[in-house]
Amino acid sequence: ATYLMTFSTRVFASPLTAAMYVGLGL
């Protein structure tokens, strides 16, 4: 839970997250 709570917020603010580029393109 400690990892999940603090890691999750920046999932879509990372160059390593592919899905984020869908949002950037849109």
mmCIF file of all heavy atoms, coordinates in Angstrom:
data_MODEL
# 
_entry.id   MODEL 
# 
loop_
_atom_site.group_PDB 
_atom_site.id 
_atom_site.type_symbol 
_atom_site.label_atom_id 
_atom_site.label_alt_id 
_atom_site.label_comp_id 
_atom_site.label_asym_id 
_atom_site.label_entity_id 
_atom_site.label_seq_id 
_atom_site.pdbx_PDB_ins_code 
_atom_site.Cartn_x 
_atom_site.Cartn_y 
_atom_site.Cartn_z 
_atom_site.occupancy 
_atom_site.B_iso_or_equiv 
_atom_site.pdbx_formal_charge 
_atom_site.auth_seq_id 
_atom_site.auth_comp_id 
_atom_site.auth_asym_id 
_atom_site.auth_atom_id 
_atom_site.pdbx_PDB_model_num 
ATOM 1   N N   . ALA A 1 1  ? 0.832  -1.206 0.000   1.00 0.00 ? 1  ALA A N   1 
ATOM 2   C CA  . ALA A 1 1  ? 0.000  0.000  0.000   1.00 0.00 ? 1  ALA A CA  1 
ATOM 3   C C   . ALA A 1 1  ? 0.864  1.253  0.000   1.00 0.00 ? 1  ALA A C   1 
ATOM 4   O O   . ALA A 1 1  ? 0.549  2.243  -0.682  1.00 0.00 ? 1  ALA A O   1 
ATOM 5   C CB  . ALA A 1 1  ? -0.932 0.001  1.203   1.00 0.00 ? 1  ALA A CB  1 
ATOM 6   N N   . THR A 1 2  ? 1.948  1.251  0.756   1.00 0.00 ? 2  THR A N   1 
ATOM 7   C CA  . THR A 1 2  ? 2.847  2.402  0.810   1.00 0.00 ? 2  THR A CA  1 
ATOM 8   C C   . THR A 1 2  ? 3.384  2.720  -0.584  1.00 0.00 ? 2  THR A C   1 
ATOM 9   O O   . THR A 1 2  ? 3.404  3.881  -1.013  1.00 0.00 ? 2  THR A O   1 
ATOM 10  C CB  . THR A 1 2  ? 4.018  2.136  1.770   1.00 0.00 ? 2  THR A CB  1 
ATOM 11  O OG1 . THR A 1 2  ? 3.503  1.886  3.084   1.00 0.00 ? 2  THR A OG1 1 
ATOM 12  C CG2 . THR A 1 2  ? 4.962  3.330  1.821   1.00 0.00 ? 2  THR A CG2 1 
ATOM 13  N N   . TYR A 1 3  ? 3.815  1.682  -1.272  1.00 0.00 ? 3  TYR A N   1 
ATOM 14  C CA  . TYR A 1 3  ? 4.322  1.888  -2.635  1.00 0.00 ? 3  TYR A CA  1 
ATOM 15  C C   . TYR A 1 3  ? 3.207  2.328  -3.572  1.00 0.00 ? 3  TYR A C   1 
ATOM 16  O O   . TYR A 1 3  ? 3.364  3.286  -4.331  1.00 0.00 ? 3  TYR A O   1 
ATOM 17  C CB  . TYR A 1 3  ? 4.953  0.590  -3.145  1.00 0.00 ? 3  TYR A CB  1 
ATOM 18  C CG  . TYR A 1 3  ? 5.353  0.653  -4.608  1.00 0.00 ? 3  TYR A CG  1 
ATOM 19  C CD1 . TYR A 1 3  ? 6.521  1.300  -4.996  1.00 0.00 ? 3  TYR A CD1 1 
ATOM 20  C CD2 . TYR A 1 3  ? 4.550  0.081  -5.588  1.00 0.00 ? 3  TYR A CD2 1 
ATOM 21  C CE1 . TYR A 1 3  ? 6.878  1.380  -6.334  1.00 0.00 ? 3  TYR A CE1 1 
ATOM 22  C CE2 . TYR A 1 3  ? 4.906  0.149  -6.931  1.00 0.00 ? 3  TYR A CE2 1 
ATOM 23  C CZ  . TYR A 1 3  ? 6.068  0.789  -7.294  1.00 0.00 ? 3  TYR A CZ  1 
ATOM 24  O OH  . TYR A 1 3  ? 6.408  0.870  -8.618  1.00 0.00 ? 3  TYR A OH  1 
ATOM 25  N N   . LEU A 1 4  ? 2.077  1.642  -3.510  1.00 0.00 ? 4  LEU A N   1 
ATOM 26  C CA  . LEU A 1 4  ? 0.973  1.926  -4.429  1.00 0.00 ? 4  LEU A CA  1 
ATOM 27  C C   . LEU A 1 4  ? 0.451  3.348  -4.261  1.00 0.00 ? 4  LEU A C   1 
ATOM 28  O O   . LEU A 1 4  ? 0.198  4.057  -5.249  1.00 0.00 ? 4  LEU A O   1 
ATOM 29  C CB  . LEU A 1 4  ? -0.161 0.926  -4.191  1.00 0.00 ? 4  LEU A CB  1 
ATOM 30  C CG  . LEU A 1 4  ? -1.369 1.015  -5.120  1.00 0.00 ? 4  LEU A CG  1 
ATOM 31  C CD1 . LEU A 1 4  ? -0.963 0.657  -6.541  1.00 0.00 ? 4  LEU A CD1 1 
ATOM 32  C CD2 . LEU A 1 4  ? -2.484 0.094  -4.637  1.00 0.00 ? 4  LEU A CD2 1 
ATOM 33  N N   . MET A 1 5  ? 0.278  3.791  -3.019  1.00 0.00 ? 5  MET A N   1 
ATOM 34  C CA  . MET A 1 5  ? -0.280 5.113  -2.749  1.00 0.00 ? 5  MET A CA  1 
ATOM 35  C C   . MET A 1 5  ? 0.606  6.235  -3.297  1.00 0.00 ? 5  MET A C   1 
ATOM 36  O O   . MET A 1 5  ? 0.105  7.243  -3.811  1.00 0.00 ? 5  MET A O   1 
ATOM 37  C CB  . MET A 1 5  ? -0.471 5.310  -1.237  1.00 0.00 ? 5  MET A CB  1 
ATOM 38  C CG  . MET A 1 5  ? -1.583 4.477  -0.625  1.00 0.00 ? 5  MET A CG  1 
ATOM 39  S SD  . MET A 1 5  ? -1.877 4.897  1.115   1.00 0.00 ? 5  MET A SD  1 
ATOM 40  C CE  . MET A 1 5  ? -0.312 4.445  1.869   1.00 0.00 ? 5  MET A CE  1 
ATOM 41  N N   . THR A 1 6  ? 1.906  6.060  -3.176  1.00 0.00 ? 6  THR A N   1 
ATOM 42  C CA  . THR A 1 6  ? 2.812  7.153  -3.533  1.00 0.00 ? 6  THR A CA  1 
ATOM 43  C C   . THR A 1 6  ? 3.331  7.046  -4.964  1.00 0.00 ? 6  THR A C   1 
ATOM 44  O O   . THR A 1 6  ? 3.741  8.046  -5.558  1.00 0.00 ? 6  THR A O   1 
ATOM 45  C CB  . THR A 1 6  ? 4.013  7.194  -2.569  1.00 0.00 ? 6  THR A CB  1 
ATOM 46  O OG1 . THR A 1 6  ? 4.635  5.895  -2.530  1.00 0.00 ? 6  THR A OG1 1 
ATOM 47  C CG2 . THR A 1 6  ? 3.541  7.538  -1.163  1.00 0.00 ? 6  THR A CG2 1 
ATOM 48  N N   . PHE A 1 7  ? 3.298  5.842  -5.528  1.00 0.00 ? 7  PHE A N   1 
ATOM 49  C CA  . PHE A 1 7  ? 3.744  5.648  -6.903  1.00 0.00 ? 7  PHE A CA  1 
ATOM 50  C C   . PHE A 1 7  ? 2.670  6.030  -7.917  1.00 0.00 ? 7  PHE A C   1 
ATOM 51  O O   . PHE A 1 7  ? 2.953  6.622  -8.966  1.00 0.00 ? 7  PHE A O   1 
ATOM 52  C CB  . PHE A 1 7  ? 4.142  4.181  -7.115  1.00 0.00 ? 7  PHE A CB  1 
ATOM 53  C CG  . PHE A 1 7  ? 4.204  3.769  -8.564  1.00 0.00 ? 7  PHE A CG  1 
ATOM 54  C CD1 . PHE A 1 7  ? 5.335  4.017  -9.321  1.00 0.00 ? 7  PHE A CD1 1 
ATOM 55  C CD2 . PHE A 1 7  ? 3.129  3.118  -9.159  1.00 0.00 ? 7  PHE A CD2 1 
ATOM 56  C CE1 . PHE A 1 7  ? 5.388  3.644  -10.662 1.00 0.00 ? 7  PHE A CE1 1 
ATOM 57  C CE2 . PHE A 1 7  ? 3.172  2.739  -10.489 1.00 0.00 ? 7  PHE A CE2 1 
ATOM 58  C CZ  . PHE A 1 7  ? 4.308  2.998  -11.243 1.00 0.00 ? 7  PHE A CZ  1 
ATOM 59  N N   . SER A 1 8  ? 1.415  5.705  -7.604  1.00 0.00 ? 8  SER A N   1 
ATOM 60  C CA  . SER A 1 8  ? 0.332  5.803  -8.589  1.00 0.00 ? 8  SER A CA  1 
ATOM 61  C C   . SER A 1 8  ? 0.118  7.212  -9.125  1.00 0.00 ? 8  SER A C   1 
ATOM 62  O O   . SER A 1 8  ? -0.223 7.389  -10.301 1.00 0.00 ? 8  SER A O   1 
ATOM 63  C CB  . SER A 1 8  ? -0.977 5.289  -7.979  1.00 0.00 ? 8  SER A CB  1 
ATOM 64  O OG  . SER A 1 8  ? -0.889 3.916  -7.691  1.00 0.00 ? 8  SER A OG  1 
ATOM 65  N N   . THR A 1 9  ? 0.304  8.220  -8.285  1.00 0.00 ? 9  THR A N   1 
ATOM 66  C CA  . THR A 1 9  ? -0.022 9.587  -8.708  1.00 0.00 ? 9  THR A CA  1 
ATOM 67  C C   . THR A 1 9  ? 0.795  10.053 -9.913  1.00 0.00 ? 9  THR A C   1 
ATOM 68  O O   . THR A 1 9  ? 0.347  10.909 -10.665 1.00 0.00 ? 9  THR A O   1 
ATOM 69  C CB  . THR A 1 9  ? 0.180  10.584 -7.559  1.00 0.00 ? 9  THR A CB  1 
ATOM 70  O OG1 . THR A 1 9  ? 1.534  10.506 -7.102  1.00 0.00 ? 9  THR A OG1 1 
ATOM 71  C CG2 . THR A 1 9  ? -0.763 10.263 -6.404  1.00 0.00 ? 9  THR A CG2 1 
ATOM 72  N N   . ARG A 1 10 ? 2.001  9.485  -10.107 1.00 0.00 ? 10 ARG A N   1 
ATOM 73  C CA  . ARG A 1 10 ? 2.840  9.983  -11.193 1.00 0.00 ? 10 ARG A CA  1 
ATOM 74  C C   . ARG A 1 10 ? 2.960  8.979  -12.338 1.00 0.00 ? 10 ARG A C   1 
ATOM 75  O O   . ARG A 1 10 ? 3.841  9.104  -13.191 1.00 0.00 ? 10 ARG A O   1 
ATOM 76  C CB  . ARG A 1 10 ? 4.234  10.376 -10.685 1.00 0.00 ? 10 ARG A CB  1 
ATOM 77  C CG  . ARG A 1 10 ? 4.897  9.519  -9.681  1.00 0.00 ? 10 ARG A CG  1 
ATOM 78  C CD  . ARG A 1 10 ? 5.647  8.308  -10.117 1.00 0.00 ? 10 ARG A CD  1 
ATOM 79  N NE  . ARG A 1 10 ? 6.264  8.403  -11.393 1.00 0.00 ? 10 ARG A NE  1 
ATOM 80  C CZ  . ARG A 1 10 ? 6.243  7.443  -12.284 1.00 0.00 ? 10 ARG A CZ  1 
ATOM 81  N NH1 . ARG A 1 10 ? 5.592  6.327  -12.036 1.00 0.00 ? 10 ARG A NH1 1 
ATOM 82  N NH2 . ARG A 1 10 ? 6.845  7.546  -13.434 1.00 0.00 ? 10 ARG A NH2 1 
ATOM 83  N N   . VAL A 1 11 ? 2.051  8.012  -12.401 1.00 0.00 ? 11 VAL A N   1 
ATOM 84  C CA  . VAL A 1 11 ? 2.094  7.038  -13.490 1.00 0.00 ? 11 VAL A CA  1 
ATOM 85  C C   . VAL A 1 11 ? 2.016  7.719  -14.851 1.00 0.00 ? 11 VAL A C   1 
ATOM 86  O O   . VAL A 1 11 ? 2.763  7.383  -15.776 1.00 0.00 ? 11 VAL A O   1 
ATOM 87  C CB  . VAL A 1 11 ? 0.939  6.018  -13.350 1.00 0.00 ? 11 VAL A CB  1 
ATOM 88  C CG1 . VAL A 1 11 ? 0.819  5.174  -14.606 1.00 0.00 ? 11 VAL A CG1 1 
ATOM 89  C CG2 . VAL A 1 11 ? 1.166  5.128  -12.138 1.00 0.00 ? 11 VAL A CG2 1 
ATOM 90  N N   . PHE A 1 12 ? 1.104  8.696  -14.981 1.00 0.00 ? 12 PHE A N   1 
ATOM 91  C CA  . PHE A 1 12 ? 0.911  9.363  -16.270 1.00 0.00 ? 12 PHE A CA  1 
ATOM 92  C C   . PHE A 1 12 ? 1.648  10.696 -16.329 1.00 0.00 ? 12 PHE A C   1 
ATOM 93  O O   . PHE A 1 12 ? 1.258  11.602 -17.074 1.00 0.00 ? 12 PHE A O   1 
ATOM 94  C CB  . PHE A 1 12 ? -0.578 9.550  -16.537 1.00 0.00 ? 12 PHE A CB  1 
ATOM 95  C CG  . PHE A 1 12 ? -1.318 8.236  -16.602 1.00 0.00 ? 12 PHE A CG  1 
ATOM 96  C CD1 . PHE A 1 12 ? -2.204 7.876  -15.592 1.00 0.00 ? 12 PHE A CD1 1 
ATOM 97  C CD2 . PHE A 1 12 ? -1.099 7.349  -17.638 1.00 0.00 ? 12 PHE A CD2 1 
ATOM 98  C CE1 . PHE A 1 12 ? -2.867 6.662  -15.641 1.00 0.00 ? 12 PHE A CE1 1 
ATOM 99  C CE2 . PHE A 1 12 ? -1.759 6.134  -17.698 1.00 0.00 ? 12 PHE A CE2 1 
ATOM 100 C CZ  . PHE A 1 12 ? -2.648 5.782  -16.693 1.00 0.00 ? 12 PHE A CZ  1 
ATOM 101 N N   . ALA A 1 13 ? 2.711  10.785 -15.546 1.00 0.00 ? 13 ALA A N   1 
ATOM 102 C CA  . ALA A 1 13 ? 3.614  11.928 -15.633 1.00 0.00 ? 13 ALA A CA  1 
ATOM 103 C C   . ALA A 1 13 ? 5.035  11.401 -15.716 1.00 0.00 ? 13 ALA A C   1 
ATOM 104 O O   . ALA A 1 13 ? 5.951  11.908 -15.079 1.00 0.00 ? 13 ALA A O   1 
ATOM 105 C CB  . ALA A 1 13 ? 3.444  12.844 -14.426 1.00 0.00 ? 13 ALA A CB  1 
ATOM 106 N N   . SER A 1 14 ? 5.188  10.353 -16.502 1.00 0.00 ? 14 SER A N   1 
ATOM 107 C CA  . SER A 1 14 ? 6.486  9.698  -16.659 1.00 0.00 ? 14 SER A CA  1 
ATOM 108 C C   . SER A 1 14 ? 6.731  9.396  -18.126 1.00 0.00 ? 14 SER A C   1 
ATOM 109 O O   . SER A 1 14 ? 5.835  8.889  -18.818 1.00 0.00 ? 14 SER A O   1 
ATOM 110 C CB  . SER A 1 14 ? 6.531  8.400  -15.848 1.00 0.00 ? 14 SER A CB  1 
ATOM 111 O OG  . SER A 1 14 ? 7.659  7.618  -16.212 1.00 0.00 ? 14 SER A OG  1 
ATOM 112 N N   . PRO A 1 15 ? 7.921  9.664  -18.635 1.00 0.00 ? 15 PRO A N   1 
ATOM 113 C CA  . PRO A 1 15 ? 8.231  9.354  -20.034 1.00 0.00 ? 15 PRO A CA  1 
ATOM 114 C C   . PRO A 1 15 ? 8.140  7.870  -20.351 1.00 0.00 ? 15 PRO A C   1 
ATOM 115 O O   . PRO A 1 15 ? 8.083  7.477  -21.517 1.00 0.00 ? 15 PRO A O   1 
ATOM 116 C CB  . PRO A 1 15 ? 9.682  9.853  -20.185 1.00 0.00 ? 15 PRO A CB  1 
ATOM 117 C CG  . PRO A 1 15 ? 9.867  10.845 -19.084 1.00 0.00 ? 15 PRO A CG  1 
ATOM 118 C CD  . PRO A 1 15 ? 9.030  10.341 -17.949 1.00 0.00 ? 15 PRO A CD  1 
ATOM 119 N N   . LEU A 1 16 ? 8.126  7.024  -19.301 1.00 0.00 ? 16 LEU A N   1 
ATOM 120 C CA  . LEU A 1 16 ? 8.103  5.575  -19.508 1.00 0.00 ? 16 LEU A CA  1 
ATOM 121 C C   . LEU A 1 16 ? 6.692  5.021  -19.659 1.00 0.00 ? 16 LEU A C   1 
ATOM 122 O O   . LEU A 1 16 ? 6.520  3.832  -19.921 1.00 0.00 ? 16 LEU A O   1 
ATOM 123 C CB  . LEU A 1 16 ? 8.795  4.873  -18.324 1.00 0.00 ? 16 LEU A CB  1 
ATOM 124 C CG  . LEU A 1 16 ? 10.259 5.254  -18.078 1.00 0.00 ? 16 LEU A CG  1 
ATOM 125 C CD1 . LEU A 1 16 ? 10.786 4.549  -16.844 1.00 0.00 ? 16 LEU A CD1 1 
ATOM 126 C CD2 . LEU A 1 16 ? 11.105 4.917  -19.301 1.00 0.00 ? 16 LEU A CD2 1 
ATOM 127 N N   . THR A 1 17 ? 5.654  5.862  -19.486 1.00 0.00 ? 17 THR A N   1 
ATOM 128 C CA  . THR A 1 17 ? 4.265  5.404  -19.577 1.00 0.00 ? 17 THR A CA  1 
ATOM 129 C C   . THR A 1 17 ? 3.738  5.642  -20.983 1.00 0.00 ? 17 THR A C   1 
ATOM 130 O O   . THR A 1 17 ? 3.503  6.783  -21.390 1.00 0.00 ? 17 THR A O   1 
ATOM 131 C CB  . THR A 1 17 ? 3.383  6.127  -18.546 1.00 0.00 ? 17 THR A CB  1 
ATOM 132 O OG1 . THR A 1 17 ? 3.937  5.951  -17.240 1.00 0.00 ? 17 THR A OG1 1 
ATOM 133 C CG2 . THR A 1 17 ? 1.966  5.563  -18.576 1.00 0.00 ? 17 THR A CG2 1 
ATOM 134 N N   . ALA A 1 18 ? 3.516  4.563  -21.711 1.00 0.00 ? 18 ALA A N   1 
ATOM 135 C CA  . ALA A 1 18 ? 3.121  4.677  -23.120 1.00 0.00 ? 18 ALA A CA  1 
ATOM 136 C C   . ALA A 1 18 ? 1.758  5.339  -23.286 1.00 0.00 ? 18 ALA A C   1 
ATOM 137 O O   . ALA A 1 18 ? 1.564  6.158  -24.198 1.00 0.00 ? 18 ALA A O   1 
ATOM 138 C CB  . ALA A 1 18 ? 3.105  3.282  -23.757 1.00 0.00 ? 18 ALA A CB  1 
ATOM 139 N N   . ALA A 1 19 ? 0.797  4.991  -22.412 1.00 0.00 ? 19 ALA A N   1 
ATOM 140 C CA  . ALA A 1 19 ? -0.565 5.526  -22.555 1.00 0.00 ? 19 ALA A CA  1 
ATOM 141 C C   . ALA A 1 19 ? -0.599 7.044  -22.448 1.00 0.00 ? 19 ALA A C   1 
ATOM 142 O O   . ALA A 1 19 ? -1.482 7.692  -23.020 1.00 0.00 ? 19 ALA A O   1 
ATOM 143 C CB  . ALA A 1 19 ? -1.482 4.906  -21.505 1.00 0.00 ? 19 ALA A CB  1 
ATOM 144 N N   . MET A 1 20 ? 0.356  7.616  -21.726 1.00 0.00 ? 20 MET A N   1 
ATOM 145 C CA  . MET A 1 20 ? 0.390  9.069  -21.545 1.00 0.00 ? 20 MET A CA  1 
ATOM 146 C C   . MET A 1 20 ? 0.511  9.791  -22.886 1.00 0.00 ? 20 MET A C   1 
ATOM 147 O O   . MET A 1 20 ? -0.059 10.871 -23.082 1.00 0.00 ? 20 MET A O   1 
ATOM 148 C CB  . MET A 1 20 ? 1.556  9.459  -20.642 1.00 0.00 ? 20 MET A CB  1 
ATOM 149 C CG  . MET A 1 20 ? 1.734  10.952 -20.421 1.00 0.00 ? 20 MET A CG  1 
ATOM 150 S SD  . MET A 1 20 ? 3.317  11.314 -19.653 1.00 0.00 ? 20 MET A SD  1 
ATOM 151 C CE  . MET A 1 20 ? 4.457  10.823 -20.951 1.00 0.00 ? 20 MET A CE  1 
ATOM 152 N N   . TYR A 1 21 ? 1.228  9.200  -23.834 1.00 0.00 ? 21 TYR A N   1 
ATOM 153 C CA  . TYR A 1 21 ? 1.446  9.843  -25.125 1.00 0.00 ? 21 TYR A CA  1 
ATOM 154 C C   . TYR A 1 21 ? 0.153  9.930  -25.936 1.00 0.00 ? 21 TYR A C   1 
ATOM 155 O O   . TYR A 1 21 ? 0.031  10.795 -26.813 1.00 0.00 ? 21 TYR A O   1 
ATOM 156 C CB  . TYR A 1 21 ? 2.535  9.096  -25.901 1.00 0.00 ? 21 TYR A CB  1 
ATOM 157 C CG  . TYR A 1 21 ? 3.892  9.208  -25.243 1.00 0.00 ? 21 TYR A CG  1 
ATOM 158 C CD1 . TYR A 1 21 ? 4.356  8.199  -24.394 1.00 0.00 ? 21 TYR A CD1 1 
ATOM 159 C CD2 . TYR A 1 21 ? 4.690  10.329 -25.434 1.00 0.00 ? 21 TYR A CD2 1 
ATOM 160 C CE1 . TYR A 1 21 ? 5.590  8.306  -23.773 1.00 0.00 ? 21 TYR A CE1 1 
ATOM 161 C CE2 . TYR A 1 21 ? 5.931  10.444 -24.814 1.00 0.00 ? 21 TYR A CE2 1 
ATOM 162 C CZ  . TYR A 1 21 ? 6.371  9.434  -23.987 1.00 0.00 ? 21 TYR A CZ  1 
ATOM 163 O OH  . TYR A 1 21 ? 7.583  9.553  -23.355 1.00 0.00 ? 21 TYR A OH  1 
ATOM 164 N N   . VAL A 1 22 ? -0.793 9.032  -25.644 1.00 0.00 ? 22 VAL A N   1 
ATOM 165 C CA  . VAL A 1 22 ? -2.112 9.130  -26.275 1.00 0.00 ? 22 VAL A CA  1 
ATOM 166 C C   . VAL A 1 22 ? -2.771 10.434 -25.850 1.00 0.00 ? 22 VAL A C   1 
ATOM 167 O O   . VAL A 1 22 ? -3.310 11.187 -26.669 1.00 0.00 ? 22 VAL A O   1 
ATOM 168 C CB  . VAL A 1 22 ? -2.997 7.926  -25.892 1.00 0.00 ? 22 VAL A CB  1 
ATOM 169 C CG1 . VAL A 1 22 ? -4.399 8.093  -26.474 1.00 0.00 ? 22 VAL A CG1 1 
ATOM 170 C CG2 . VAL A 1 22 ? -2.371 6.626  -26.375 1.00 0.00 ? 22 VAL A CG2 1 
ATOM 171 N N   . GLY A 1 23 ? -2.734 10.708 -24.548 1.00 0.00 ? 23 GLY A N   1 
ATOM 172 C CA  . GLY A 1 23 ? -3.315 11.937 -24.031 1.00 0.00 ? 23 GLY A CA  1 
ATOM 173 C C   . GLY A 1 23 ? -2.607 13.178 -24.550 1.00 0.00 ? 23 GLY A C   1 
ATOM 174 O O   . GLY A 1 23 ? -3.253 14.170 -24.907 1.00 0.00 ? 23 GLY A O   1 
ATOM 175 N N   . LEU A 1 24 ? -1.278 13.128 -24.616 1.00 0.00 ? 24 LEU A N   1 
ATOM 176 C CA  . LEU A 1 24 ? -0.517 14.276 -25.120 1.00 0.00 ? 24 LEU A CA  1 
ATOM 177 C C   . LEU A 1 24 ? -0.879 14.581 -26.567 1.00 0.00 ? 24 LEU A C   1 
ATOM 178 O O   . LEU A 1 24 ? -1.029 15.742 -26.952 1.00 0.00 ? 24 LEU A O   1 
ATOM 179 C CB  . LEU A 1 24 ? 0.984  13.992 -24.999 1.00 0.00 ? 24 LEU A CB  1 
ATOM 180 C CG  . LEU A 1 24 ? 1.565  13.926 -23.587 1.00 0.00 ? 24 LEU A CG  1 
ATOM 181 C CD1 . LEU A 1 24 ? 3.037  13.538 -23.640 1.00 0.00 ? 24 LEU A CD1 1 
ATOM 182 C CD2 . LEU A 1 24 ? 1.395  15.246 -22.850 1.00 0.00 ? 24 LEU A CD2 1 
ATOM 183 N N   . GLY A 1 25 ? -1.030 13.515 -27.362 1.00 0.00 ? 25 GLY A N   1 
ATOM 184 C CA  . GLY A 1 25 ? -1.397 13.708 -28.757 1.00 0.00 ? 25 GLY A CA  1 
ATOM 185 C C   . GLY A 1 25 ? -2.784 14.297 -28.911 1.00 0.00 ? 25 GLY A C   1 
ATOM 186 O O   . GLY A 1 25 ? -3.007 15.190 -29.734 1.00 0.00 ? 25 GLY A O   1 
ATOM 187 N N   . LEU A 1 26 ? -3.727 13.830 -28.101 1.00 0.00 ? 26 LEU A N   1 
ATOM 188 C CA  . LEU A 1 26 ? -5.099 14.332 -28.179 1.00 0.00 ? 26 LEU A CA  1 
ATOM 189 C C   . LEU A 1 26 ? -5.184 15.793 -27.739 1.00 0.00 ? 26 LEU A C   1 
ATOM 190 O O   . LEU A 1 26 ? -5.942 16.583 -28.306 1.00 0.00 ? 26 LEU A O   1 
ATOM 191 C CB  . LEU A 1 26 ? -6.022 13.477 -27.312 1.00 0.00 ? 26 LEU A CB  1 
ATOM 192 C CG  . LEU A 1 26 ? -6.284 12.045 -27.797 1.00 0.00 ? 26 LEU A CG  1 
ATOM 193 C CD1 . LEU A 1 26 ? -7.014 11.249 -26.733 1.00 0.00 ? 26 LEU A CD1 1 
ATOM 194 C CD2 . LEU A 1 26 ? -7.101 12.066 -29.086 1.00 0.00 ? 26 LEU A CD2 1 
# 
